Amino acid sequence: ADFGLWFNHKGRHYFSGIAEVGHISRLIQDFDGIFNQTMRNTRNLNNRSLRVKFLLQIRNTVSQIITLLRELFEEVSRHEVGMDVLTKLLNRRFLTTIFKREIAHANRTGTPLSVLIIDVDKFKEINDTWGHNTGDEILRKVSQAFYDNVRSSDYVFRYGGDEFIIVLTEASENETLRTAERIRSRVEKTKLK
């Protein structure tokens, strides 16, 4: 009931794209069906063999849901290990792997590959003057500006502190310059507080 509501309204969206989601939804429907059917005919619960059958079905369904939820959370955890907690960008853990893969792709297909290395000007001064909370907010907003101004095929990494790396796949020199200028302009226009 409450879990089913949460899963159908929030969990499905939070975990979208992960195979276990559909299976969990079906199991929740199975659970509701078994439970509702049995509760409509409560006389069945007076029959020991039907009651045992009902409890075994419920236990089996709940066990399957728990197993799938464990797998779901493990899958999400594996992905989040590569995410920067503050900015929600990729962290440098995956940088080498993605660089190698994209360089190999560019060499194989003859397509360009560009890299932008960016740092936030005067960030230490901002942190020292306005505090770390303000610095964190700036990093979040700047990260969003980066993410909003690249294509879905590109990668944005927080390398560390106020340093970022953007990998632009199949981007010519002109496209790279336009993207860099678009990002610079967006960051310049970003309002802080």
N, C-alpha and C. Protein backbone atom coordinates (compact mmCIF):
# COMPACT_ATOMS: atom_id res chain seq x y z
N ALA A 1 0.71 -1.01 0.00
CA ALA A 1 0.00 0.00 0.00
C ALA A 1 0.86 1.23 0.00
N ASP A 2 1.42 1.66 1.16
CA ASP A 2 2.24 2.87 1.13
C ASP A 2 3.49 2.68 0.27
N PHE A 3 4.13 1.53 0.40
CA PHE A 3 5.31 1.26 -0.42
C PHE A 3 4.94 1.27 -1.90
N GLY A 4 3.83 0.61 -2.24
CA GLY A 4 3.37 0.56 -3.63
C GLY A 4 3.10 1.95 -4.17
N LEU A 5 2.46 2.80 -3.36
CA LEU A 5 2.19 4.18 -3.78
C LEU A 5 3.50 4.93 -4.00
N TRP A 6 4.42 4.83 -3.03
CA TRP A 6 5.70 5.52 -3.17
C TRP A 6 6.42 5.03 -4.43
N PHE A 7 6.45 3.72 -4.61
CA PHE A 7 7.19 3.17 -5.74
C PHE A 7 6.59 3.62 -7.06
N ASN A 8 5.26 3.56 -7.17
CA ASN A 8 4.61 3.93 -8.43
C ASN A 8 4.69 5.42 -8.73
N HIS A 9 4.70 6.26 -7.69
CA HIS A 9 4.71 7.71 -7.94
C HIS A 9 6.10 8.33 -7.90
N LYS A 10 7.00 7.75 -7.13
CA LYS A 10 8.34 8.34 -7.02
C LYS A 10 9.44 7.37 -7.42
N GLY A 11 9.42 6.18 -6.87
CA GLY A 11 10.50 5.22 -7.10
C GLY A 11 10.72 4.89 -8.56
N ARG A 12 9.61 4.71 -9.30
CA ARG A 12 9.74 4.38 -10.73
C ARG A 12 10.51 5.45 -11.48
N HIS A 13 10.27 6.71 -11.11
CA HIS A 13 10.94 7.81 -11.81
C HIS A 13 12.39 7.95 -11.34
N TYR A 14 12.60 7.77 -10.05
CA TYR A 14 13.96 7.89 -9.51
C TYR A 14 14.88 6.83 -10.11
N PHE A 15 14.34 5.62 -10.28
CA PHE A 15 15.14 4.51 -10.77
C PHE A 15 14.90 4.20 -12.24
N SER A 16 14.32 5.14 -12.98
CA SER A 16 13.98 4.85 -14.38
C SER A 16 15.21 4.41 -15.16
N GLY A 17 14.98 3.50 -16.08
CA GLY A 17 16.06 3.00 -16.91
C GLY A 17 16.76 1.78 -16.34
N ILE A 18 16.38 1.35 -15.16
CA ILE A 18 16.99 0.17 -14.54
C ILE A 18 15.99 -0.98 -14.66
N ALA A 19 16.46 -2.10 -15.15
CA ALA A 19 15.59 -3.24 -15.51
C ALA A 19 14.72 -3.72 -14.36
N GLU A 20 15.22 -3.70 -13.15
CA GLU A 20 14.48 -4.25 -12.01
C GLU A 20 13.17 -3.50 -11.74
N VAL A 21 13.06 -2.25 -12.19
CA VAL A 21 11.89 -1.42 -11.89
C VAL A 21 10.60 -2.07 -12.39
N GLY A 22 10.58 -2.52 -13.64
CA GLY A 22 9.38 -3.15 -14.19
C GLY A 22 9.02 -4.41 -13.46
N HIS A 23 10.01 -5.20 -13.10
CA HIS A 23 9.76 -6.45 -12.37
C HIS A 23 9.17 -6.15 -10.99
N ILE A 24 9.70 -5.15 -10.30
CA ILE A 24 9.17 -4.78 -8.99
C ILE A 24 7.72 -4.32 -9.12
N SER A 25 7.42 -3.52 -10.14
CA SER A 25 6.04 -3.05 -10.35
C SER A 25 5.08 -4.23 -10.53
N ARG A 26 5.50 -5.21 -11.32
CA ARG A 26 4.64 -6.39 -11.53
C ARG A 26 4.45 -7.17 -10.23
N LEU A 27 5.50 -7.29 -9.45
CA LEU A 27 5.39 -8.00 -8.18
C LEU A 27 4.47 -7.27 -7.21
N ILE A 28 4.53 -5.94 -7.21
CA ILE A 28 3.63 -5.16 -6.35
C ILE A 28 2.18 -5.40 -6.78
N GLN A 29 1.93 -5.41 -8.09
CA GLN A 29 0.58 -5.71 -8.58
C GLN A 29 0.16 -7.12 -8.17
N ASP A 30 1.07 -8.09 -8.28
CA ASP A 30 0.77 -9.46 -7.85
C ASP A 30 0.41 -9.48 -6.37
N PHE A 31 1.21 -8.79 -5.56
CA PHE A 31 0.96 -8.74 -4.12
C PHE A 31 -0.42 -8.17 -3.85
N ASP A 32 -0.72 -7.02 -4.47
CA ASP A 32 -2.03 -6.40 -4.28
C ASP A 32 -3.15 -7.33 -4.70
N GLY A 33 -2.97 -8.01 -5.84
CA GLY A 33 -3.99 -8.94 -6.33
C GLY A 33 -4.23 -10.08 -5.36
N ILE A 34 -3.17 -10.71 -4.89
CA ILE A 34 -3.30 -11.81 -3.93
C ILE A 34 -3.96 -11.32 -2.66
N PHE A 35 -3.48 -10.21 -2.14
CA PHE A 35 -3.99 -9.67 -0.88
C PHE A 35 -5.46 -9.29 -1.00
N ASN A 36 -5.80 -8.53 -2.05
CA ASN A 36 -7.19 -8.07 -2.22
C ASN A 36 -8.14 -9.24 -2.44
N GLN A 37 -7.74 -10.20 -3.24
CA GLN A 37 -8.59 -11.36 -3.51
C GLN A 37 -8.86 -12.14 -2.22
N THR A 38 -7.84 -12.31 -1.42
CA THR A 38 -8.00 -13.05 -0.17
C THR A 38 -8.84 -12.26 0.82
N MET A 39 -8.65 -10.95 0.90
CA MET A 39 -9.40 -10.14 1.85
C MET A 39 -10.87 -10.02 1.47
N ARG A 40 -11.18 -10.13 0.18
CA ARG A 40 -12.59 -10.09 -0.25
C ARG A 40 -13.33 -11.32 0.23
N ASN A 41 -12.62 -12.41 0.34
CA ASN A 41 -13.25 -13.66 0.77
C ASN A 41 -12.53 -14.13 2.03
N THR A 42 -12.81 -13.46 3.16
CA THR A 42 -12.09 -13.75 4.40
C THR A 42 -12.36 -15.15 4.92
N ARG A 43 -13.41 -15.79 4.43
CA ARG A 43 -13.66 -17.17 4.86
C ARG A 43 -12.49 -18.08 4.49
N ASN A 44 -11.77 -17.72 3.42
CA ASN A 44 -10.60 -18.51 3.02
C ASN A 44 -9.55 -18.56 4.12
N LEU A 45 -9.47 -17.50 4.94
CA LEU A 45 -8.47 -17.46 6.00
C LEU A 45 -8.81 -18.42 7.14
N ASN A 46 -10.08 -18.83 7.22
CA ASN A 46 -10.47 -19.80 8.25
C ASN A 46 -10.01 -21.21 7.88
N ASN A 47 -9.77 -21.43 6.61
CA ASN A 47 -9.30 -22.73 6.13
C ASN A 47 -7.77 -22.75 6.25
N ARG A 48 -7.27 -23.66 7.07
CA ARG A 48 -5.83 -23.70 7.35
C ARG A 48 -4.99 -23.82 6.09
N SER A 49 -5.32 -24.72 5.18
CA SER A 49 -4.50 -24.91 3.98
C SER A 49 -4.53 -23.68 3.08
N LEU A 50 -5.70 -23.01 2.97
CA LEU A 50 -5.78 -21.78 2.16
C LEU A 50 -5.01 -20.64 2.82
N ARG A 51 -5.07 -20.58 4.16
CA ARG A 51 -4.34 -19.54 4.89
C ARG A 51 -2.83 -19.73 4.70
N VAL A 52 -2.36 -20.97 4.80
CA VAL A 52 -0.93 -21.26 4.60
C VAL A 52 -0.52 -20.92 3.17
N LYS A 53 -1.36 -21.28 2.20
CA LYS A 53 -1.07 -20.97 0.80
C LYS A 53 -0.96 -19.45 0.60
N PHE A 54 -1.91 -18.71 1.18
CA PHE A 54 -1.92 -17.25 1.09
C PHE A 54 -0.64 -16.67 1.70
N LEU A 55 -0.28 -17.11 2.89
CA LEU A 55 0.92 -16.59 3.56
C LEU A 55 2.19 -16.93 2.79
N LEU A 56 2.25 -18.11 2.21
CA LEU A 56 3.42 -18.49 1.41
C LEU A 56 3.53 -17.64 0.14
N GLN A 57 2.38 -17.36 -0.50
CA GLN A 57 2.40 -16.50 -1.69
C GLN A 57 2.88 -15.09 -1.33
N ILE A 58 2.37 -14.56 -0.23
CA ILE A 58 2.76 -13.22 0.21
C ILE A 58 4.25 -13.21 0.55
N ARG A 59 4.72 -14.20 1.32
CA ARG A 59 6.13 -14.26 1.70
C ARG A 59 7.02 -14.36 0.46
N ASN A 60 6.64 -15.19 -0.49
CA ASN A 60 7.42 -15.36 -1.72
C ASN A 60 7.49 -14.05 -2.51
N THR A 61 6.36 -13.38 -2.65
CA THR A 61 6.32 -12.11 -3.40
C THR A 61 7.16 -11.05 -2.70
N VAL A 62 7.01 -10.93 -1.38
CA VAL A 62 7.78 -9.94 -0.62
C VAL A 62 9.28 -10.25 -0.71
N SER A 63 9.66 -11.52 -0.63
CA SER A 63 11.07 -11.91 -0.75
C SER A 63 11.63 -11.51 -2.11
N GLN A 64 10.85 -11.72 -3.17
CA GLN A 64 11.31 -11.33 -4.50
C GLN A 64 11.49 -9.82 -4.60
N ILE A 65 10.54 -9.07 -4.03
CA ILE A 65 10.63 -7.60 -4.05
C ILE A 65 11.88 -7.15 -3.30
N ILE A 66 12.13 -7.73 -2.14
CA ILE A 66 13.31 -7.36 -1.35
C ILE A 66 14.59 -7.66 -2.12
N THR A 67 14.67 -8.81 -2.74
CA THR A 67 15.85 -9.18 -3.53
C THR A 67 16.07 -8.18 -4.66
N LEU A 68 15.00 -7.84 -5.38
CA LEU A 68 15.13 -6.89 -6.49
C LEU A 68 15.49 -5.50 -5.99
N LEU A 69 14.93 -5.09 -4.85
CA LEU A 69 15.29 -3.78 -4.30
C LEU A 69 16.77 -3.74 -3.92
N ARG A 70 17.28 -4.82 -3.34
CA ARG A 70 18.71 -4.89 -3.03
C ARG A 70 19.54 -4.68 -4.30
N GLU A 71 19.17 -5.41 -5.37
CA GLU A 71 19.89 -5.28 -6.64
C GLU A 71 19.78 -3.86 -7.19
N LEU A 72 18.59 -3.28 -7.06
CA LEU A 72 18.34 -1.92 -7.53
C LEU A 72 19.25 -0.93 -6.81
N PHE A 73 19.30 -1.02 -5.48
CA PHE A 73 20.13 -0.10 -4.72
C PHE A 73 21.62 -0.33 -4.96
N GLU A 74 22.02 -1.57 -5.18
CA GLU A 74 23.42 -1.84 -5.52
C GLU A 74 23.77 -1.20 -6.86
N GLU A 75 22.86 -1.31 -7.83
CA GLU A 75 23.09 -0.71 -9.15
C GLU A 75 23.21 0.81 -9.04
N VAL A 76 22.30 1.42 -8.28
CA VAL A 76 22.34 2.87 -8.10
C VAL A 76 23.63 3.26 -7.38
N SER A 77 24.03 2.50 -6.37
CA SER A 77 25.26 2.81 -5.63
C SER A 77 26.48 2.74 -6.53
N ARG A 78 26.52 1.75 -7.42
CA ARG A 78 27.66 1.63 -8.34
C ARG A 78 27.77 2.88 -9.20
N HIS A 79 26.62 3.40 -9.64
CA HIS A 79 26.65 4.60 -10.49
C HIS A 79 27.00 5.84 -9.68
N GLU A 80 26.47 5.93 -8.45
CA GLU A 80 26.70 7.13 -7.66
C GLU A 80 28.13 7.24 -7.17
N VAL A 81 28.86 6.14 -7.11
CA VAL A 81 30.26 6.18 -6.72
C VAL A 81 31.03 7.08 -7.68
N GLY A 82 30.61 7.13 -8.92
CA GLY A 82 31.26 7.95 -9.93
C GLY A 82 30.70 9.34 -10.04
N MET A 83 29.80 9.72 -9.14
CA MET A 83 29.18 11.04 -9.18
C MET A 83 29.73 11.90 -8.05
N ASP A 84 29.96 13.16 -8.36
CA ASP A 84 30.35 14.12 -7.35
C ASP A 84 29.11 14.48 -6.53
N VAL A 85 29.20 14.35 -5.23
CA VAL A 85 28.05 14.55 -4.36
C VAL A 85 27.50 15.97 -4.46
N LEU A 86 28.37 16.94 -4.48
CA LEU A 86 27.94 18.34 -4.48
C LEU A 86 27.31 18.76 -5.81
N THR A 87 27.97 18.46 -6.91
CA THR A 87 27.54 18.99 -8.21
C THR A 87 26.70 18.02 -9.03
N LYS A 88 26.69 16.76 -8.64
CA LYS A 88 25.99 15.69 -9.38
C LYS A 88 26.61 15.44 -10.76
N LEU A 89 27.82 15.93 -10.98
CA LEU A 89 28.55 15.65 -12.21
C LEU A 89 29.37 14.39 -12.01
N LEU A 90 29.89 13.84 -13.09
CA LEU A 90 30.82 12.72 -12.97
C LEU A 90 32.05 13.20 -12.22
N ASN A 91 32.63 12.34 -11.40
CA ASN A 91 33.89 12.71 -10.78
C ASN A 91 35.03 12.10 -11.58
N ARG A 92 36.24 12.33 -11.18
CA ARG A 92 37.37 11.90 -12.01
C ARG A 92 37.59 10.40 -11.99
N ARG A 93 36.84 9.67 -11.19
CA ARG A 93 36.99 8.21 -11.14
C ARG A 93 36.82 7.59 -12.53
N PHE A 94 35.88 8.10 -13.32
CA PHE A 94 35.61 7.54 -14.64
C PHE A 94 36.36 8.25 -15.77
N LEU A 95 37.12 9.26 -15.44
CA LEU A 95 37.76 10.08 -16.46
C LEU A 95 38.67 9.26 -17.37
N THR A 96 39.54 8.46 -16.81
CA THR A 96 40.48 7.68 -17.62
C THR A 96 39.74 6.71 -18.53
N THR A 97 38.76 6.02 -17.98
CA THR A 97 37.99 5.05 -18.77
C THR A 97 37.29 5.73 -19.94
N ILE A 98 36.64 6.86 -19.66
CA ILE A 98 35.91 7.56 -20.72
C ILE A 98 36.88 8.16 -21.73
N PHE A 99 37.99 8.74 -21.26
CA PHE A 99 39.00 9.26 -22.19
C PHE A 99 39.47 8.17 -23.14
N LYS A 100 39.86 7.04 -22.59
CA LYS A 100 40.36 5.94 -23.44
C LYS A 100 39.31 5.52 -24.46
N ARG A 101 38.08 5.36 -24.01
CA ARG A 101 37.02 4.91 -24.91
C ARG A 101 36.75 5.94 -26.01
N GLU A 102 36.68 7.22 -25.64
CA GLU A 102 36.37 8.26 -26.62
C GLU A 102 37.54 8.52 -27.56
N ILE A 103 38.76 8.41 -27.07
CA ILE A 103 39.93 8.56 -27.95
C ILE A 103 39.95 7.42 -28.96
N ALA A 104 39.70 6.20 -28.50
CA ALA A 104 39.65 5.04 -29.41
C ALA A 104 38.55 5.22 -30.45
N HIS A 105 37.40 5.72 -30.03
CA HIS A 105 36.29 5.96 -30.97
C HIS A 105 36.68 7.02 -32.01
N ALA A 106 37.28 8.11 -31.53
CA ALA A 106 37.68 9.18 -32.45
C ALA A 106 38.72 8.68 -33.45
N ASN A 107 39.66 7.89 -32.99
CA ASN A 107 40.68 7.32 -33.89
C ASN A 107 40.06 6.35 -34.89
N ARG A 108 39.14 5.54 -34.42
CA ARG A 108 38.51 4.53 -35.28
C ARG A 108 37.62 5.18 -36.34
N THR A 109 36.89 6.22 -35.96
CA THR A 109 35.92 6.82 -36.88
C THR A 109 36.45 8.06 -37.59
N GLY A 110 37.58 8.57 -37.13
CA GLY A 110 38.13 9.78 -37.75
C GLY A 110 37.36 11.03 -37.36
N THR A 111 36.63 10.99 -36.26
CA THR A 111 35.86 12.16 -35.81
C THR A 111 36.66 12.92 -34.76
N PRO A 112 36.42 14.24 -34.67
CA PRO A 112 37.18 15.03 -33.70
C PRO A 112 36.72 14.77 -32.26
N LEU A 113 37.61 15.05 -31.36
CA LEU A 113 37.33 14.95 -29.92
C LEU A 113 37.97 16.17 -29.28
N SER A 114 37.22 16.88 -28.48
CA SER A 114 37.74 18.10 -27.85
C SER A 114 37.60 18.00 -26.34
N VAL A 115 38.49 18.70 -25.66
CA VAL A 115 38.47 18.71 -24.20
C VAL A 115 38.57 20.16 -23.74
N LEU A 116 37.67 20.55 -22.84
CA LEU A 116 37.73 21.86 -22.21
C LEU A 116 38.16 21.65 -20.76
N ILE A 117 39.14 22.41 -20.32
CA ILE A 117 39.57 22.37 -18.92
C ILE A 117 39.24 23.74 -18.35
N ILE A 118 38.42 23.76 -17.32
CA ILE A 118 37.86 25.01 -16.82
C ILE A 118 38.07 25.09 -15.31
N ASP A 119 38.41 26.29 -14.83
CA ASP A 119 38.37 26.52 -13.39
C ASP A 119 37.60 27.81 -13.14
N VAL A 120 37.11 27.95 -11.93
CA VAL A 120 36.32 29.13 -11.56
C VAL A 120 37.30 30.20 -11.08
N ASP A 121 37.30 31.34 -11.77
CA ASP A 121 38.20 32.44 -11.41
C ASP A 121 37.91 32.94 -9.99
N LYS A 122 38.97 33.19 -9.25
CA LYS A 122 38.90 33.79 -7.91
C LYS A 122 38.07 32.96 -6.93
N PHE A 123 38.02 31.66 -7.14
CA PHE A 123 37.17 30.83 -6.28
C PHE A 123 37.67 30.80 -4.84
N LYS A 124 38.98 30.72 -4.63
CA LYS A 124 39.52 30.70 -3.26
C LYS A 124 39.15 32.00 -2.54
N GLU A 125 39.24 33.10 -3.25
CA GLU A 125 38.89 34.40 -2.67
C GLU A 125 37.40 34.42 -2.29
N ILE A 126 36.55 33.88 -3.15
CA ILE A 126 35.11 33.81 -2.86
C ILE A 126 34.87 32.96 -1.62
N ASN A 127 35.49 31.80 -1.56
CA ASN A 127 35.34 30.91 -0.40
C ASN A 127 35.82 31.59 0.88
N ASP A 128 36.97 32.26 0.81
CA ASP A 128 37.54 32.91 2.00
C ASP A 128 36.69 34.09 2.45
N THR A 129 36.11 34.82 1.51
CA THR A 129 35.32 36.01 1.83
C THR A 129 33.89 35.67 2.24
N TRP A 130 33.24 34.83 1.47
CA TRP A 130 31.81 34.58 1.65
C TRP A 130 31.49 33.25 2.33
N GLY A 131 32.47 32.40 2.48
CA GLY A 131 32.26 31.13 3.17
C GLY A 131 32.02 29.97 2.23
N HIS A 132 32.15 28.78 2.79
CA HIS A 132 32.05 27.56 1.98
C HIS A 132 30.63 27.30 1.47
N ASN A 133 29.61 27.72 2.20
CA ASN A 133 28.24 27.52 1.70
C ASN A 133 28.02 28.28 0.40
N THR A 134 28.52 29.51 0.36
CA THR A 134 28.41 30.30 -0.87
C THR A 134 29.25 29.66 -1.97
N GLY A 135 30.44 29.22 -1.61
CA GLY A 135 31.30 28.54 -2.59
C GLY A 135 30.63 27.31 -3.16
N ASP A 136 29.99 26.52 -2.30
CA ASP A 136 29.27 25.33 -2.76
C ASP A 136 28.14 25.70 -3.71
N GLU A 137 27.41 26.75 -3.37
CA GLU A 137 26.30 27.19 -4.23
C GLU A 137 26.82 27.63 -5.60
N ILE A 138 27.94 28.31 -5.62
CA ILE A 138 28.55 28.72 -6.89
C ILE A 138 28.94 27.50 -7.70
N LEU A 139 29.55 26.52 -7.07
CA LEU A 139 29.94 25.30 -7.79
C LEU A 139 28.72 24.58 -8.37
N ARG A 140 27.62 24.54 -7.61
CA ARG A 140 26.40 23.90 -8.12
C ARG A 140 25.86 24.65 -9.34
N LYS A 141 25.81 25.97 -9.24
CA LYS A 141 25.26 26.76 -10.35
C LYS A 141 26.16 26.70 -11.59
N VAL A 142 27.45 26.78 -11.38
CA VAL A 142 28.40 26.70 -12.50
C VAL A 142 28.29 25.32 -13.15
N SER A 143 28.21 24.29 -12.34
CA SER A 143 28.08 22.92 -12.86
C SER A 143 26.82 22.79 -13.71
N GLN A 144 25.73 23.38 -13.24
CA GLN A 144 24.48 23.32 -14.00
C GLN A 144 24.63 24.06 -15.32
N ALA A 145 25.34 25.18 -15.30
CA ALA A 145 25.58 25.92 -16.55
C ALA A 145 26.38 25.08 -17.53
N PHE A 146 27.37 24.36 -17.04
CA PHE A 146 28.15 23.48 -17.92
C PHE A 146 27.23 22.41 -18.51
N TYR A 147 26.51 21.75 -17.64
CA TYR A 147 25.67 20.62 -18.05
C TYR A 147 24.59 21.07 -19.05
N ASP A 148 24.00 22.23 -18.81
CA ASP A 148 22.93 22.73 -19.68
C ASP A 148 23.42 23.14 -21.05
N ASN A 149 24.71 23.35 -21.21
CA ASN A 149 25.24 23.88 -22.47
C ASN A 149 26.10 22.90 -23.24
N VAL A 150 25.98 21.62 -22.94
CA VAL A 150 26.65 20.59 -23.74
C VAL A 150 25.59 19.63 -24.26
N ARG A 151 25.99 18.81 -25.20
CA ARG A 151 25.06 17.83 -25.77
C ARG A 151 25.00 16.59 -24.90
N SER A 152 23.99 15.79 -25.13
CA SER A 152 23.85 14.57 -24.33
C SER A 152 24.99 13.58 -24.58
N SER A 153 25.70 13.73 -25.67
CA SER A 153 26.83 12.84 -25.97
C SER A 153 28.14 13.30 -25.31
N ASP A 154 28.13 14.47 -24.71
CA ASP A 154 29.33 15.03 -24.08
C ASP A 154 29.39 14.63 -22.60
N TYR A 155 30.56 14.79 -22.00
CA TYR A 155 30.77 14.43 -20.60
C TYR A 155 31.26 15.64 -19.83
N VAL A 156 30.70 15.84 -18.64
CA VAL A 156 31.14 16.92 -17.76
C VAL A 156 31.62 16.30 -16.45
N PHE A 157 32.86 16.58 -16.08
CA PHE A 157 33.47 16.04 -14.87
C PHE A 157 33.82 17.18 -13.91
N ARG A 158 33.62 16.94 -12.64
CA ARG A 158 34.26 17.80 -11.64
C ARG A 158 35.58 17.11 -11.32
N TYR A 159 36.66 17.75 -11.69
CA TYR A 159 37.97 17.14 -11.53
C TYR A 159 38.45 17.26 -10.08
N GLY A 160 38.10 18.36 -9.46
CA GLY A 160 38.47 18.59 -8.07
C GLY A 160 38.35 20.06 -7.76
N GLY A 161 37.99 20.40 -6.53
CA GLY A 161 37.86 21.80 -6.13
C GLY A 161 36.99 22.58 -7.10
N ASP A 162 37.60 23.56 -7.75
CA ASP A 162 36.87 24.38 -8.72
C ASP A 162 37.31 24.07 -10.15
N GLU A 163 37.83 22.87 -10.36
CA GLU A 163 38.32 22.48 -11.69
C GLU A 163 37.37 21.48 -12.34
N PHE A 164 37.09 21.72 -13.61
CA PHE A 164 36.16 20.89 -14.36
C PHE A 164 36.77 20.50 -15.70
N ILE A 165 36.39 19.35 -16.19
CA ILE A 165 36.81 18.89 -17.51
C ILE A 165 35.56 18.52 -18.28
N ILE A 166 35.47 19.03 -19.51
CA ILE A 166 34.34 18.71 -20.38
C ILE A 166 34.90 18.02 -21.62
N VAL A 167 34.40 16.84 -21.90
CA VAL A 167 34.80 16.08 -23.08
C VAL A 167 33.70 16.24 -24.12
N LEU A 168 34.04 16.87 -25.24
CA LEU A 168 33.08 17.12 -26.31
C LEU A 168 33.33 16.10 -27.42
N THR A 169 32.39 15.19 -27.59
CA THR A 169 32.54 14.14 -28.60
C THR A 169 32.14 14.68 -29.97
N GLU A 170 32.89 14.28 -30.97
CA GLU A 170 32.60 14.64 -32.36
C GLU A 170 32.34 16.14 -32.52
N ALA A 171 33.17 16.95 -31.85
CA ALA A 171 33.02 18.40 -31.91
C ALA A 171 34.21 19.00 -32.64
N SER A 172 33.92 19.71 -33.72
CA SER A 172 34.98 20.37 -34.48
C SER A 172 35.56 21.52 -33.65
N GLU A 173 36.63 22.10 -34.16
CA GLU A 173 37.24 23.24 -33.46
C GLU A 173 36.23 24.38 -33.30
N ASN A 174 35.48 24.68 -34.38
CA ASN A 174 34.48 25.75 -34.31
C ASN A 174 33.37 25.42 -33.32
N GLU A 175 32.89 24.18 -33.34
CA GLU A 175 31.84 23.78 -32.39
C GLU A 175 32.35 23.87 -30.95
N THR A 176 33.60 23.50 -30.76
CA THR A 176 34.20 23.56 -29.42
C THR A 176 34.29 25.00 -28.95
N LEU A 177 34.74 25.89 -29.82
CA LEU A 177 34.84 27.31 -29.45
C LEU A 177 33.46 27.90 -29.15
N ARG A 178 32.46 27.54 -29.96
CA ARG A 178 31.09 28.03 -29.70
C ARG A 178 30.57 27.51 -28.36
N THR A 179 30.82 26.24 -28.08
CA THR A 179 30.37 25.67 -26.81
C THR A 179 31.06 26.36 -25.64
N ALA A 180 32.37 26.56 -25.75
CA ALA A 180 33.12 27.22 -24.67
C ALA A 180 32.60 28.63 -24.44
N GLU A 181 32.31 29.36 -25.51
CA GLU A 181 31.79 30.72 -25.37
C GLU A 181 30.38 30.72 -24.78
N ARG A 182 29.56 29.78 -25.21
CA ARG A 182 28.20 29.66 -24.67
C ARG A 182 28.26 29.40 -23.15
N ILE A 183 29.15 28.52 -22.74
CA ILE A 183 29.32 28.22 -21.31
C ILE A 183 29.82 29.46 -20.57
N ARG A 184 30.85 30.11 -21.12
CA ARG A 184 31.40 31.31 -20.47
C ARG A 184 30.34 32.37 -20.29
N SER A 185 29.55 32.59 -21.34
CA SER A 185 28.49 33.59 -21.30
C SER A 185 27.43 33.23 -20.26
N ARG A 186 27.05 31.98 -20.23
CA ARG A 186 26.03 31.53 -19.27
C ARG A 186 26.53 31.68 -17.83
N VAL A 187 27.78 31.33 -17.60
CA VAL A 187 28.34 31.46 -16.24
C VAL A 187 28.38 32.94 -15.86
N GLU A 188 28.78 33.80 -16.79
CA GLU A 188 28.85 35.23 -16.53
C GLU A 188 27.47 35.79 -16.14
N LYS A 189 26.40 35.26 -16.74
CA LYS A 189 25.04 35.75 -16.48
C LYS A 189 24.38 35.09 -15.28
N THR A 190 25.03 34.09 -14.71
CA THR A 190 24.43 33.36 -13.60
C THR A 190 24.34 34.26 -12.37
N LYS A 191 23.15 34.33 -11.82
CA LYS A 191 22.91 35.14 -10.62
C LYS A 191 23.23 34.32 -9.39
N LEU A 192 23.91 34.93 -8.47
CA LEU A 192 24.23 34.28 -7.20
C LEU A 192 23.44 34.97 -6.11
N LYS A 193 22.54 34.24 -5.53
CA LYS A 193 21.67 34.72 -4.45
C LYS A 193 20.83 35.88 -4.84
